[in-house]
């Protein structure tokens, strides 16, 4: 292992350690503080080429400290065409949510939006420490707003429908928008059959290419 690679891993490990100890949402909150103990949930590495930019941990993920450890995760893995083992292999797949801790629930039992403290504090530093990321799958409006900025369209449907335009931009990493894989979006999926017929085959090809690239490089060391 070269010195530069070792130094990169040490920097990312130090950043991950700091993030796991983050308490900004209870000590310096932007609004009401987090209603439970912080539990930042993420997966990062210096070798990953694919990043899942998600929303925030849900109740089951918070209980297990495993991202997408629920029915939404099963659907997402089906969308990507990956096994559970591949999905949780941090050397290949980074998972960086907009909010690292479960944000709690509203009066109707729905998850609150991602905490506003997380993204400004951590996201730019994490991505700077993962320069090999080639593709970011931006899941939901919060991730799309962060990663696409003014290129985002008027609403989520228009943004996801513009995936060819957005994926073809001369940006690094490339950004592909996706809806959240929650059951709450079953109606959206039925109204937009092009998502499964056109976008998902493209995503699966890209995911397989990126995972295979990391595996091939690992054989060299």
C-alpha atoms as a PDB file:
ATOM      1  CA  UNK A   1       0.000   0.000   0.000  1.00  0.00           C
ATOM      2  CA  UNK A   2       1.420   3.384  -1.007  1.00  0.00           C
ATOM      3  CA  UNK A   3       1.859   6.179   1.479  1.00  0.00           C
ATOM      4  CA  UNK A   4      -0.733   8.373  -0.221  1.00  0.00           C
ATOM      5  CA  UNK A   5      -3.354   5.607  -0.102  1.00  0.00           C
ATOM      6  CA  UNK A   6      -2.610   4.916   3.557  1.00  0.00           C
ATOM      7  CA  UNK A   7      -2.836   8.622   4.378  1.00  0.00           C
ATOM      8  CA  UNK A   8      -6.174   8.905   2.566  1.00  0.00           C
ATOM      9  CA  UNK A   9      -7.576   6.000   4.546  1.00  0.00           C
ATOM     10  CA  UNK A  10      -6.315   7.458   7.800  1.00  0.00           C
ATOM     11  CA  UNK A  11      -7.953  10.810   7.024  1.00  0.00           C
ATOM     12  CA  UNK A  12     -11.274   9.177   6.200  1.00  0.00           C
ATOM     13  CA  UNK A  13     -11.099   6.963   9.282  1.00  0.00           C
ATOM     14  CA  UNK A  14     -10.472  10.017  11.461  1.00  0.00           C
ATOM     15  CA  UNK A  15     -13.388  11.818   9.838  1.00  0.00           C
ATOM     16  CA  UNK A  16     -15.634   8.794  10.349  1.00  0.00           C
ATOM     17  CA  UNK A  17     -14.649   8.588  13.996  1.00  0.00           C
ATOM     18  CA  UNK A  18     -15.494  12.260  14.475  1.00  0.00           C
ATOM     19  CA  UNK A  19     -18.835  11.822  12.725  1.00  0.00           C
ATOM     20  CA  UNK A  20     -19.783   8.825  14.843  1.00  0.00           C
ATOM     21  CA  UNK A  21     -19.247  11.002  17.914  1.00  0.00           C
ATOM     22  CA  UNK A  22     -21.219  13.944  16.534  1.00  0.00           C
ATOM     23  CA  UNK A  23     -23.748  15.526  18.918  1.00  0.00           C
ATOM     24  CA  UNK A  24     -24.427  18.789  17.125  1.00  0.00           C
ATOM     25  CA  UNK A  25     -28.167  18.054  16.872  1.00  0.00           C
ATOM     26  CA  UNK A  26     -28.496  17.965  20.674  1.00  0.00           C
ATOM     27  CA  UNK A  27     -25.778  20.422  21.699  1.00  0.00           C
ATOM     28  CA  UNK A  28     -26.156  23.078  18.964  1.00  0.00           C
ATOM     29  CA  UNK A  29     -29.438  22.251  17.236  1.00  0.00           C
ATOM     30  CA  UNK A  30     -31.051  24.314  14.503  1.00  0.00           C
ATOM     31  CA  UNK A  31     -34.493  24.256  16.057  1.00  0.00           C
ATOM     32  CA  UNK A  32     -35.753  21.554  18.446  1.00  0.00           C
ATOM     33  CA  UNK A  33     -33.003  19.189  19.481  1.00  0.00           C
ATOM     34  CA  UNK A  34     -32.940  15.553  18.414  1.00  0.00           C
ATOM     35  CA  UNK A  35     -35.499  13.770  20.662  1.00  0.00           C
ATOM     36  CA  UNK A  36     -33.235  10.785  21.360  1.00  0.00           C
ATOM     37  CA  UNK A  37     -29.546   9.904  21.613  1.00  0.00           C
ATOM     38  CA  UNK A  38     -27.570  10.591  18.409  1.00  0.00           C
ATOM     39  CA  UNK A  39     -26.710   7.511  16.358  1.00  0.00           C
ATOM     40  CA  UNK A  40     -25.013   8.531  13.092  1.00  0.00           C
ATOM     41  CA  UNK A  41     -25.454   5.802  10.457  1.00  0.00           C
ATOM     42  CA  UNK A  42     -23.352   5.774   7.285  1.00  0.00           C
ATOM     43  CA  UNK A  43     -20.884   3.694   5.234  1.00  0.00           C
ATOM     44  CA  UNK A  44     -17.756   5.199   3.638  1.00  0.00           C
ATOM     45  CA  UNK A  45     -14.435   4.083   2.137  1.00  0.00           C
ATOM     46  CA  UNK A  46     -11.654   5.426  -0.042  1.00  0.00           C
ATOM     47  CA  UNK A  47     -12.275   2.725  -2.681  1.00  0.00           C
ATOM     48  CA  UNK A  48     -16.029   3.027  -3.229  1.00  0.00           C
ATOM     49  CA  UNK A  49     -17.063   4.265  -6.662  1.00  0.00           C
ATOM     50  CA  UNK A  50     -20.797   4.261  -5.994  1.00  0.00           C
ATOM     51  CA  UNK A  51     -22.535   6.380  -3.366  1.00  0.00           C
ATOM     52  CA  UNK A  52     -26.106   6.080  -2.147  1.00  0.00           C
ATOM     53  CA  UNK A  53     -27.126   9.602  -1.098  1.00  0.00           C
ATOM     54  CA  UNK A  54     -30.200   8.879   0.966  1.00  0.00           C
ATOM     55  CA  UNK A  55     -32.522  10.839   3.207  1.00  0.00           C
ATOM     56  CA  UNK A  56     -32.103   9.733   6.851  1.00  0.00           C
ATOM     57  CA  UNK A  57     -32.220   6.580   8.931  1.00  0.00           C
ATOM     58  CA  UNK A  58     -35.630   5.127   9.766  1.00  0.00           C
ATOM     59  CA  UNK A  59     -36.741   3.426  12.968  1.00  0.00           C
ATOM     60  CA  UNK A  60     -35.389  -0.032  12.062  1.00  0.00           C
ATOM     61  CA  UNK A  61     -32.099   1.369  10.821  1.00  0.00           C
ATOM     62  CA  UNK A  62     -31.739   3.338  14.032  1.00  0.00           C
ATOM     63  CA  UNK A  63     -32.433   0.251  16.137  1.00  0.00           C
ATOM     64  CA  UNK A  64     -29.884  -1.869  14.258  1.00  0.00           C
ATOM     65  CA  UNK A  65     -27.402   0.868  13.213  1.00  0.00           C
ATOM     66  CA  UNK A  66     -27.628  -0.610   9.683  1.00  0.00           C
ATOM     67  CA  UNK A  67     -28.802   1.707   6.873  1.00  0.00           C
ATOM     68  CA  UNK A  68     -31.761   0.571   4.766  1.00  0.00           C
ATOM     69  CA  UNK A  69     -32.368  -2.366   7.072  1.00  0.00           C
ATOM     70  CA  UNK A  70     -36.077  -2.498   6.201  1.00  0.00           C
ATOM     71  CA  UNK A  71     -38.538  -3.070   3.355  1.00  0.00           C
ATOM     72  CA  UNK A  72     -37.351   0.120   1.631  1.00  0.00           C
ATOM     73  CA  UNK A  73     -33.859  -1.305   1.602  1.00  0.00           C
ATOM     74  CA  UNK A  74     -35.075  -4.540   0.036  1.00  0.00           C
ATOM     75  CA  UNK A  75     -36.770  -2.562  -2.731  1.00  0.00           C
ATOM     76  CA  UNK A  76     -33.707  -0.376  -3.250  1.00  0.00           C
ATOM     77  CA  UNK A  77     -31.436  -3.406  -3.577  1.00  0.00           C
ATOM     78  CA  UNK A  78     -33.893  -4.842  -6.101  1.00  0.00           C
ATOM     79  CA  UNK A  79     -33.800  -1.570  -8.038  1.00  0.00           C
ATOM     80  CA  UNK A  80     -30.003  -1.676  -8.139  1.00  0.00           C
ATOM     81  CA  UNK A  81     -29.773  -5.384  -8.906  1.00  0.00           C
ATOM     82  CA  UNK A  82     -27.409  -6.094  -6.013  1.00  0.00           C
ATOM     83  CA  UNK A  83     -27.305  -8.614  -3.218  1.00  0.00           C
ATOM     84  CA  UNK A  84     -27.440  -7.629   0.421  1.00  0.00           C
ATOM     85  CA  UNK A  85     -23.765  -8.577   0.723  1.00  0.00           C
ATOM     86  CA  UNK A  86     -22.789  -6.320  -2.193  1.00  0.00           C
ATOM     87  CA  UNK A  87     -24.909  -3.456  -0.904  1.00  0.00           C
ATOM     88  CA  UNK A  88     -23.255  -3.468   2.506  1.00  0.00           C
ATOM     89  CA  UNK A  89     -19.708  -3.859   1.180  1.00  0.00           C
ATOM     90  CA  UNK A  90     -18.405  -0.391   2.057  1.00  0.00           C
ATOM     91  CA  UNK A  91     -15.306  -0.937  -0.069  1.00  0.00           C
ATOM     92  CA  UNK A  92     -17.632  -0.781  -3.074  1.00  0.00           C
ATOM     93  CA  UNK A  93     -20.724   1.152  -1.955  1.00  0.00           C
ATOM     94  CA  UNK A  94     -20.747   4.276   0.203  1.00  0.00           C
ATOM     95  CA  UNK A  95     -23.992   5.249   1.935  1.00  0.00           C
ATOM     96  CA  UNK A  96     -24.095   8.913   2.907  1.00  0.00           C
ATOM     97  CA  UNK A  97     -27.520  10.201   4.033  1.00  0.00           C
ATOM     98  CA  UNK A  98     -28.543  13.839   4.222  1.00  0.00           C
ATOM     99  CA  UNK A  99     -29.228  13.357   7.916  1.00  0.00           C
ATOM    100  CA  UNK A 100     -27.038  10.827   9.700  1.00  0.00           C
ATOM    101  CA  UNK A 101     -29.350  10.178  12.650  1.00  0.00           C
ATOM    102  CA  UNK A 102     -32.963   9.058  12.752  1.00  0.00           C
ATOM    103  CA  UNK A 103     -34.773  12.432  12.970  1.00  0.00           C
ATOM    104  CA  UNK A 104     -37.801  11.218  14.934  1.00  0.00           C
ATOM    105  CA  UNK A 105     -41.445  11.181  13.911  1.00  0.00           C
ATOM    106  CA  UNK A 106     -44.168  13.755  13.483  1.00  0.00           C
ATOM    107  CA  UNK A 107     -47.594  13.689  15.147  1.00  0.00           C
ATOM    108  CA  UNK A 108     -48.940  11.367  12.426  1.00  0.00           C
ATOM    109  CA  UNK A 109     -46.162   8.818  12.823  1.00  0.00           C
ATOM    110  CA  UNK A 110     -44.235   9.803   9.702  1.00  0.00           C
ATOM    111  CA  UNK A 111     -40.492  10.371   9.742  1.00  0.00           C
ATOM    112  CA  UNK A 112     -39.401  13.971  10.143  1.00  0.00           C
ATOM    113  CA  UNK A 113     -37.141  15.551   7.484  1.00  0.00           C
ATOM    114  CA  UNK A 114     -33.375  15.037   7.792  1.00  0.00           C
ATOM    115  CA  UNK A 115     -31.738  17.176  10.444  1.00  0.00           C
ATOM    116  CA  UNK A 116     -30.507  20.474   9.009  1.00  0.00           C
ATOM    117  CA  UNK A 117     -27.266  20.400  11.012  1.00  0.00           C
ATOM    118  CA  UNK A 118     -25.797  17.328   9.302  1.00  0.00           C
ATOM    119  CA  UNK A 119     -25.232  18.275   5.675  1.00  0.00           C
ATOM    120  CA  UNK A 120     -23.319  21.561   6.162  1.00  0.00           C
ATOM    121  CA  UNK A 121     -21.178  20.034   8.885  1.00  0.00           C
ATOM    122  CA  UNK A 122     -20.144  16.784   7.215  1.00  0.00           C
ATOM    123  CA  UNK A 123     -21.085  16.145   3.586  1.00  0.00           C
ATOM    124  CA  UNK A 124     -18.478  18.225   1.761  1.00  0.00           C
ATOM    125  CA  UNK A 125     -15.703  16.822   3.931  1.00  0.00           C
ATOM    126  CA  UNK A 126     -16.837  13.242   3.418  1.00  0.00           C
ATOM    127  CA  UNK A 127     -16.990  13.549  -0.349  1.00  0.00           C
ATOM    128  CA  UNK A 128     -13.621  15.295  -0.428  1.00  0.00           C
ATOM    129  CA  UNK A 129     -12.226  12.264   1.389  1.00  0.00           C
ATOM    130  CA  UNK A 130     -13.789   9.872  -1.154  1.00  0.00           C
ATOM    131  CA  UNK A 131     -12.396  11.148  -4.479  1.00  0.00           C
ATOM    132  CA  UNK A 132     -13.034   7.857  -6.285  1.00  0.00           C
ATOM    133  CA  UNK A 133     -16.818   8.189  -6.181  1.00  0.00           C
ATOM    134  CA  UNK A 134     -18.000   8.190  -9.818  1.00  0.00           C
ATOM    135  CA  UNK A 135     -21.768   7.951  -9.405  1.00  0.00           C
ATOM    136  CA  UNK A 136     -24.123   9.319  -6.768  1.00  0.00           C
ATOM    137  CA  UNK A 137     -27.671   7.991  -6.639  1.00  0.00           C
ATOM    138  CA  UNK A 138     -29.565  10.935  -5.127  1.00  0.00           C
ATOM    139  CA  UNK A 139     -32.622   9.475  -3.409  1.00  0.00           C
ATOM    140  CA  UNK A 140     -35.441  11.916  -2.675  1.00  0.00           C
ATOM    141  CA  UNK A 141     -35.799  15.661  -2.820  1.00  0.00           C
ATOM    142  CA  UNK A 142     -33.337  16.527  -0.049  1.00  0.00           C
ATOM    143  CA  UNK A 143     -30.420  14.670  -1.626  1.00  0.00           C
ATOM    144  CA  UNK A 144     -31.371  15.992  -5.052  1.00  0.00           C
ATOM    145  CA  UNK A 145     -31.404  19.576  -3.799  1.00  0.00           C
ATOM    146  CA  UNK A 146     -27.929  19.161  -2.282  1.00  0.00           C
ATOM    147  CA  UNK A 147     -26.275  17.341  -5.166  1.00  0.00           C
ATOM    148  CA  UNK A 148     -28.008  18.964  -8.141  1.00  0.00           C
ATOM    149  CA  UNK A 149     -28.457  22.523  -6.906  1.00  0.00           C
ATOM    150  CA  UNK A 150     -29.969  24.720  -9.638  1.00  0.00           C
ATOM    151  CA  UNK A 151     -30.017  21.784 -12.070  1.00  0.00           C
ATOM    152  CA  UNK A 152     -32.865  20.260 -10.061  1.00  0.00           C
ATOM    153  CA  UNK A 153     -36.270  20.592 -11.701  1.00  0.00           C
ATOM    154  CA  UNK A 154     -39.505  21.992 -10.268  1.00  0.00           C
ATOM    155  CA  UNK A 155     -40.482  18.795  -8.459  1.00  0.00           C
ATOM    156  CA  UNK A 156     -39.256  15.263  -7.817  1.00  0.00           C
ATOM    157  CA  UNK A 157     -41.100  13.736 -10.767  1.00  0.00           C
ATOM    158  CA  UNK A 158     -39.636  16.230 -13.215  1.00  0.00           C
ATOM    159  CA  UNK A 159     -36.187  15.803 -11.694  1.00  0.00           C
ATOM    160  CA  UNK A 160     -36.215  12.003 -11.944  1.00  0.00           C
ATOM    161  CA  UNK A 161     -37.718  12.204 -15.458  1.00  0.00           C
ATOM    162  CA  UNK A 162     -34.727  14.335 -16.500  1.00  0.00           C
ATOM    163  CA  UNK A 163     -32.272  11.592 -15.512  1.00  0.00           C
ATOM    164  CA  UNK A 164     -30.701  11.375 -18.974  1.00  0.00           C
ATOM    165  CA  UNK A 165     -29.927  15.074 -19.009  1.00  0.00           C
ATOM    166  CA  UNK A 166     -28.665  15.076 -15.439  1.00  0.00           C
ATOM    167  CA  UNK A 167     -26.558  11.914 -15.789  1.00  0.00           C
ATOM    168  CA  UNK A 168     -25.028  13.294 -18.963  1.00  0.00           C
ATOM    169  CA  UNK A 169     -23.740  16.492 -17.403  1.00  0.00           C
ATOM    170  CA  UNK A 170     -20.003  17.034 -17.321  1.00  0.00           C
ATOM    171  CA  UNK A 171     -19.823  16.717 -13.550  1.00  0.00           C
ATOM    172  CA  UNK A 172     -17.794  14.556 -11.242  1.00  0.00           C
ATOM    173  CA  UNK A 173     -19.263  12.545  -9.731  1.00  0.00           C
ATOM    174  CA  UNK A 174     -22.251  11.989 -12.001  1.00  0.00           C
ATOM    175  CA  UNK A 175     -25.647  12.345 -10.314  1.00  0.00           C
ATOM    176  CA  UNK A 176     -28.686  10.175 -11.043  1.00  0.00           C
ATOM    177  CA  UNK A 177     -31.907  11.078  -9.192  1.00  0.00           C
ATOM    178  CA  UNK A 178     -34.213   8.409  -7.767  1.00  0.00           C
ATOM    179  CA  UNK A 179     -37.446   8.496  -5.756  1.00  0.00           C
ATOM    180  CA  UNK A 180     -37.417   7.046  -2.269  1.00  0.00           C
ATOM    181  CA  UNK A 181     -38.060   3.278  -2.308  1.00  0.00           C
ATOM    182  CA  UNK A 182     -40.688   3.601   0.439  1.00  0.00           C
ATOM    183  CA  UNK A 183     -44.086   1.914   0.062  1.00  0.00           C
ATOM    184  CA  UNK A 184     -45.522   5.425   0.225  1.00  0.00           C
ATOM    185  CA  UNK A 185     -44.297   5.855  -3.362  1.00  0.00           C
ATOM    186  CA  UNK A 186     -46.187   2.856  -4.754  1.00  0.00           C
ATOM    187  CA  UNK A 187     -48.672   5.203  -6.404  1.00  0.00           C
ATOM    188  CA  UNK A 188     -45.859   7.233  -7.954  1.00  0.00           C
ATOM    189  CA  UNK A 189     -44.300   4.078  -9.404  1.00  0.00           C
ATOM    190  CA  UNK A 190     -47.620   3.057 -10.982  1.00  0.00           C
ATOM    191  CA  UNK A 191     -48.101   6.515 -12.509  1.00  0.00           C
ATOM    192  CA  UNK A 192     -44.564   6.577 -13.909  1.00  0.00           C
ATOM    193  CA  UNK A 193     -43.886   3.191 -15.554  1.00  0.00           C
ATOM    194  CA  UNK A 194     -40.908   4.669 -17.452  1.00  0.00           C
ATOM    195  CA  UNK A 195     -38.992   4.579 -14.162  1.00  0.00           C
ATOM    196  CA  UNK A 196     -38.783   0.784 -14.093  1.00  0.00           C
ATOM    197  CA  UNK A 197     -38.693   0.336 -17.882  1.00  0.00           C
ATOM    198  CA  UNK A 198     -36.059   2.951 -18.758  1.00  0.00           C
ATOM    199  CA  UNK A 199     -34.194   4.328 -15.747  1.00  0.00           C
ATOM    200  CA  UNK A 200     -33.663   1.173 -13.695  1.00  0.00           C
ATOM    201  CA  UNK A 201     -31.972  -0.806 -16.504  1.00  0.00           C
ATOM    202  CA  UNK A 202     -29.505   2.074 -16.895  1.00  0.00           C
ATOM    203  CA  UNK A 203     -28.891   2.212 -13.131  1.00  0.00           C
ATOM    204  CA  UNK A 204     -28.328  -1.541 -12.921  1.00  0.00           C
ATOM    205  CA  UNK A 205     -25.783  -1.473 -15.738  1.00  0.00           C
ATOM    206  CA  UNK A 206     -23.893   1.399 -14.140  1.00  0.00           C
ATOM    207  CA  UNK A 207     -23.951  -0.192 -10.688  1.00  0.00           C
ATOM    208  CA  UNK A 208     -22.664  -3.498 -12.048  1.00  0.00           C
ATOM    209  CA  UNK A 209     -19.901  -1.732 -13.965  1.00  0.00           C
ATOM    210  CA  UNK A 210     -18.755   0.183 -10.899  1.00  0.00           C
ATOM    211  CA  UNK A 211     -18.844  -2.821  -8.569  1.00  0.00           C
ATOM    212  CA  UNK A 212     -16.903  -4.898 -11.079  1.00  0.00           C
ATOM    213  CA  UNK A 213     -14.298  -2.148 -11.405  1.00  0.00           C
ATOM    214  CA  UNK A 214     -13.594  -2.116  -7.687  1.00  0.00           C
ATOM    215  CA  UNK A 215     -13.404  -5.912  -7.575  1.00  0.00           C
ATOM    216  CA  UNK A 216     -10.907  -5.950 -10.452  1.00  0.00           C
ATOM    217  CA  UNK A 217      -8.679  -3.395  -8.739  1.00  0.00           C
ATOM    218  CA  UNK A 218      -8.732  -5.353  -5.471  1.00  0.00           C
ATOM    219  CA  UNK A 219      -7.154  -8.330  -7.279  1.00  0.00           C
ATOM    220  CA  UNK A 220      -4.112  -6.201  -8.084  1.00  0.00           C
ATOM    221  CA  UNK A 221      -3.115  -5.804  -4.428  1.00  0.00           C
END
